[in-house]
Amino acid sequence: MFTGIIEELGTVSNLVQDKENLHITIESSLNDELKIDQSVAHNGVCLTVVSFNENTYTVTAIKETLKKTNLNALKTGDAVNLERAMKLGDRLDGHIVQGHVDQTGVCKSIKEENGSWFFSFEYDDKLGNVTIEKGSITIDGTSLTVVNSDKNSFSVAIIPYTYEHTIFKNYTVGSVVNLEFDVIGKYVSRLYTIKK
């Protein structure tokens, strides 16, 4: 479980394709605190540490993960949002995030508004995911509040701290992002669909 509060930006230092798997090596100052089998969210995707050394660690994304997320587009040198799993008893500063990406979305517009930023995203609503205004959404692992909500789109407002300390500053119109919809909303939506 995660909170969606990004701890650090890591850097992709190596990518190795192994059959249908992708081994992703990350350079990060979190290395000293990691161990094998530990869960770390990478742009919101929960992956297991399989090896590490002094400066880097490696995780593996399987075909299913690569198909549903933007990890298949990573390149050496890319910045990645990182968050370690939350500790039992910690404050829940964001919202409950599982690290299980539901689908990707596309950035449709970016507006700078006197020190803050307004980002709009579209997603395929045929997959049954929904947002609600003032509800929670996780974008590339960052816990955010939905500002405007439509059938297949939503917007979020970004404060300067989040802009500077996440990969939001790297987004352009057309950027593909990982989306994890609110877990409670997903269950409610599923129950509604079953009863129809």
Protein backbone atom coordinates (compact mmCIF):
# COMPACT_ATOMS: atom_id res chain seq x y z
CA MET A 1 0.00 0.00 0.00
CA PHE A 2 1.11 3.53 -0.80
CA THR A 3 -0.10 7.07 -0.11
CA GLY A 4 0.68 8.75 -3.43
CA ILE A 5 3.14 11.16 -1.80
CA ILE A 6 6.25 10.99 -3.98
CA GLU A 7 9.45 10.57 -1.98
CA GLU A 8 12.00 11.14 -4.68
CA LEU A 9 12.71 11.30 -8.38
CA GLY A 10 14.83 8.40 -9.59
CA THR A 11 16.63 8.14 -12.93
CA VAL A 12 16.45 5.19 -15.31
CA SER A 13 20.07 4.07 -15.74
CA ASN A 14 19.54 0.86 -17.71
CA LEU A 15 16.79 -1.10 -19.48
CA VAL A 16 17.16 -4.77 -20.43
CA GLN A 17 14.53 -6.67 -22.43
CA ASP A 18 14.38 -10.32 -21.36
CA LYS A 19 11.81 -12.22 -23.46
CA GLU A 20 8.56 -10.40 -22.56
CA ASN A 21 9.93 -8.88 -19.35
CA LEU A 22 11.67 -5.54 -18.91
CA HIS A 23 14.37 -5.20 -16.24
CA ILE A 24 14.51 -1.55 -15.14
CA THR A 25 17.54 -0.25 -13.27
CA ILE A 26 17.05 2.94 -11.28
CA GLU A 27 19.59 5.31 -9.78
CA SER A 28 18.26 6.67 -6.51
CA SER A 29 19.41 7.89 -3.11
CA LEU A 30 16.83 5.50 -1.59
CA ASN A 31 19.22 2.61 -2.35
CA ASP A 32 20.67 2.57 1.17
CA GLU A 33 17.23 1.85 2.58
CA LEU A 34 16.11 -0.81 0.09
CA LYS A 35 16.29 -4.58 0.29
CA ILE A 36 15.46 -7.42 -2.08
CA ASP A 37 11.71 -8.26 -2.20
CA GLN A 38 10.74 -4.71 -1.12
CA SER A 39 7.88 -3.00 -2.97
CA VAL A 40 8.52 0.39 -4.56
CA ALA A 41 6.05 2.37 -6.68
CA HIS A 42 7.53 3.60 -9.99
CA ASN A 43 5.25 6.19 -11.62
CA GLY A 44 2.56 4.56 -9.51
CA VAL A 45 3.37 0.97 -10.51
CA CYS A 46 4.20 -1.35 -7.61
CA LEU A 47 7.33 -3.35 -8.53
CA THR A 48 9.58 -5.63 -6.47
CA VAL A 49 13.28 -4.93 -5.94
CA VAL A 50 15.14 -7.94 -7.40
CA SER A 51 18.72 -6.70 -7.01
CA PHE A 52 20.66 -3.63 -5.91
CA ASN A 53 24.16 -2.24 -5.47
CA GLU A 54 25.61 0.94 -4.02
CA ASN A 55 23.98 3.38 -6.46
CA THR A 56 21.23 1.52 -8.30
CA TYR A 57 18.54 -1.11 -7.90
CA THR A 58 16.64 -3.22 -10.41
CA VAL A 59 12.96 -4.15 -10.73
CA THR A 60 11.20 -6.27 -13.35
CA ALA A 61 8.01 -5.40 -15.22
CA ILE A 62 6.19 -8.32 -16.86
CA LYS A 63 4.17 -8.25 -20.09
CA GLU A 64 0.85 -7.53 -18.30
CA THR A 65 2.36 -4.52 -16.51
CA LEU A 66 3.98 -3.19 -19.68
CA LYS A 67 0.69 -3.52 -21.57
CA LYS A 68 -1.33 -1.49 -19.03
CA THR A 69 1.16 1.21 -18.04
CA ASN A 70 3.56 3.74 -19.53
CA LEU A 71 6.64 1.83 -18.31
CA ASN A 72 7.09 0.37 -21.81
CA ALA A 73 7.94 3.90 -23.03
CA LEU A 74 10.77 4.48 -20.52
CA LYS A 75 14.15 5.47 -21.89
CA THR A 76 17.57 5.66 -20.24
CA GLY A 77 17.84 9.01 -18.47
CA ASP A 78 14.09 9.39 -17.83
CA ALA A 79 12.97 10.63 -14.41
CA VAL A 80 10.66 8.34 -12.44
CA ASN A 81 8.40 9.15 -9.46
CA LEU A 82 9.37 6.88 -6.53
CA GLU A 83 7.54 5.96 -3.33
CA ARG A 84 8.31 3.16 -0.91
CA ALA A 85 5.42 1.23 0.65
CA MET A 86 3.90 2.98 3.66
CA LYS A 87 4.66 1.78 7.17
CA LEU A 88 1.84 0.67 9.43
CA GLY A 89 1.14 3.53 11.83
CA ASP A 90 2.32 6.31 9.50
CA ARG A 91 0.14 9.29 8.72
CA LEU A 92 -1.84 8.78 5.52
CA ASP A 93 -0.96 12.11 3.88
CA GLY A 94 -2.32 11.26 0.42
CA HIS A 95 -4.97 8.60 -0.10
CA ILE A 96 -5.01 4.79 -0.22
CA VAL A 97 -3.03 3.79 -3.30
CA GLN A 98 -2.48 0.14 -4.22
CA GLY A 99 0.18 0.61 -6.88
CA HIS A 100 -2.06 -1.27 -9.34
CA VAL A 101 -2.47 0.96 -12.38
CA ASP A 102 -5.93 0.73 -13.95
CA GLN A 103 -5.09 2.26 -17.32
CA THR A 104 -3.18 5.03 -19.01
CA GLY A 105 -4.42 8.50 -19.87
CA VAL A 106 -3.19 11.30 -22.13
CA CYS A 107 -2.40 14.88 -21.14
CA LYS A 108 -4.65 17.16 -23.20
CA SER A 109 -3.73 20.59 -21.85
CA ILE A 110 -1.42 22.39 -19.43
CA LYS A 111 -2.17 25.89 -18.17
CA GLU A 112 0.12 27.93 -15.92
CA GLU A 113 -1.98 30.02 -13.55
CA ASN A 114 0.15 32.52 -11.61
CA GLY A 115 2.34 30.01 -9.81
CA SER A 116 0.19 26.90 -10.00
CA TRP A 117 -0.63 24.62 -12.93
CA PHE A 118 -3.84 23.15 -14.28
CA PHE A 119 -3.47 19.81 -16.11
CA SER A 120 -6.28 18.11 -18.05
CA PHE A 121 -6.28 14.42 -18.99
CA GLU A 122 -8.42 12.11 -21.13
CA TYR A 123 -8.85 8.35 -20.72
CA ASP A 124 -10.82 5.51 -22.33
CA ASP A 125 -14.08 5.35 -20.38
CA LYS A 126 -14.98 1.97 -21.91
CA LEU A 127 -12.89 0.31 -19.20
CA GLY A 128 -15.44 1.36 -16.57
CA ASN A 129 -13.30 3.77 -14.57
CA VAL A 130 -14.78 7.04 -13.33
CA THR A 131 -13.71 10.19 -11.54
CA ILE A 132 -15.76 12.54 -9.42
CA GLU A 133 -15.09 16.17 -8.59
CA LYS A 134 -13.14 16.46 -5.31
CA GLY A 135 -12.45 12.72 -5.49
CA SER A 136 -9.00 11.15 -5.52
CA ILE A 137 -6.91 10.15 -8.54
CA THR A 138 -3.33 8.93 -8.78
CA ILE A 139 -1.30 10.13 -11.78
CA ASP A 140 2.08 8.42 -12.23
CA GLY A 141 1.94 7.62 -8.52
CA THR A 142 1.10 11.16 -7.36
CA SER A 143 -1.99 11.45 -5.14
CA LEU A 144 -4.20 14.29 -6.36
CA THR A 145 -7.71 15.73 -6.08
CA VAL A 146 -9.93 15.87 -9.17
CA VAL A 147 -10.92 19.46 -9.99
CA ASN A 148 -13.22 18.92 -12.98
CA SER A 149 -14.71 15.57 -13.92
CA ASP A 150 -16.36 14.46 -17.14
CA LYS A 151 -17.25 11.10 -18.70
CA ASN A 152 -13.75 10.42 -20.03
CA SER A 153 -11.69 13.35 -18.76
CA PHE A 154 -10.71 15.24 -15.65
CA SER A 155 -8.39 18.02 -14.47
CA VAL A 156 -6.10 18.51 -11.51
CA ALA A 157 -4.46 21.59 -10.00
CA ILE A 158 -0.75 21.31 -9.17
CA ILE A 159 0.97 23.38 -6.49
CA PRO A 160 4.59 24.51 -7.01
CA TYR A 161 6.03 21.92 -4.59
CA THR A 162 4.40 19.02 -6.46
CA TYR A 163 5.41 20.49 -9.81
CA GLU A 164 9.07 20.74 -8.77
CA HIS A 165 9.35 17.40 -6.93
CA THR A 166 7.58 15.08 -9.39
CA ILE A 167 7.69 14.39 -13.12
CA PHE A 168 4.78 16.80 -13.70
CA LYS A 169 7.35 19.39 -14.79
CA ASN A 170 8.33 17.02 -17.65
CA TYR A 171 4.81 16.56 -19.05
CA THR A 172 3.81 18.01 -22.39
CA VAL A 173 0.51 17.82 -24.24
CA GLY A 174 0.33 14.21 -25.44
CA SER A 175 2.29 12.71 -22.52
CA VAL A 176 0.97 9.26 -21.57
CA VAL A 177 0.46 8.81 -17.81
CA ASN A 178 -0.45 5.94 -15.49
CA LEU A 179 -3.84 6.29 -13.79
CA GLU A 180 -4.99 4.56 -10.63
CA PHE A 181 -8.58 5.46 -9.85
CA ASP A 182 -9.87 5.72 -6.28
CA VAL A 183 -10.21 2.20 -4.82
CA ILE A 184 -13.56 2.90 -3.14
CA GLY A 185 -14.93 4.44 -6.33
CA LYS A 186 -13.85 1.35 -8.28
CA TYR A 187 -15.81 -0.96 -5.97
CA VAL A 188 -18.91 1.25 -6.05
CA SER A 189 -18.73 1.46 -9.84
CA ARG A 190 -18.34 -2.31 -10.13
CA LEU A 191 -21.31 -2.99 -7.85
CA TYR A 192 -23.43 -0.57 -9.86
CA THR A 193 -22.44 -2.30 -13.12
CA ILE A 194 -23.23 -5.78 -11.73
CA LYS A 195 -26.70 -4.70 -10.55
CA LYS A 196 -27.65 -3.14 -13.92
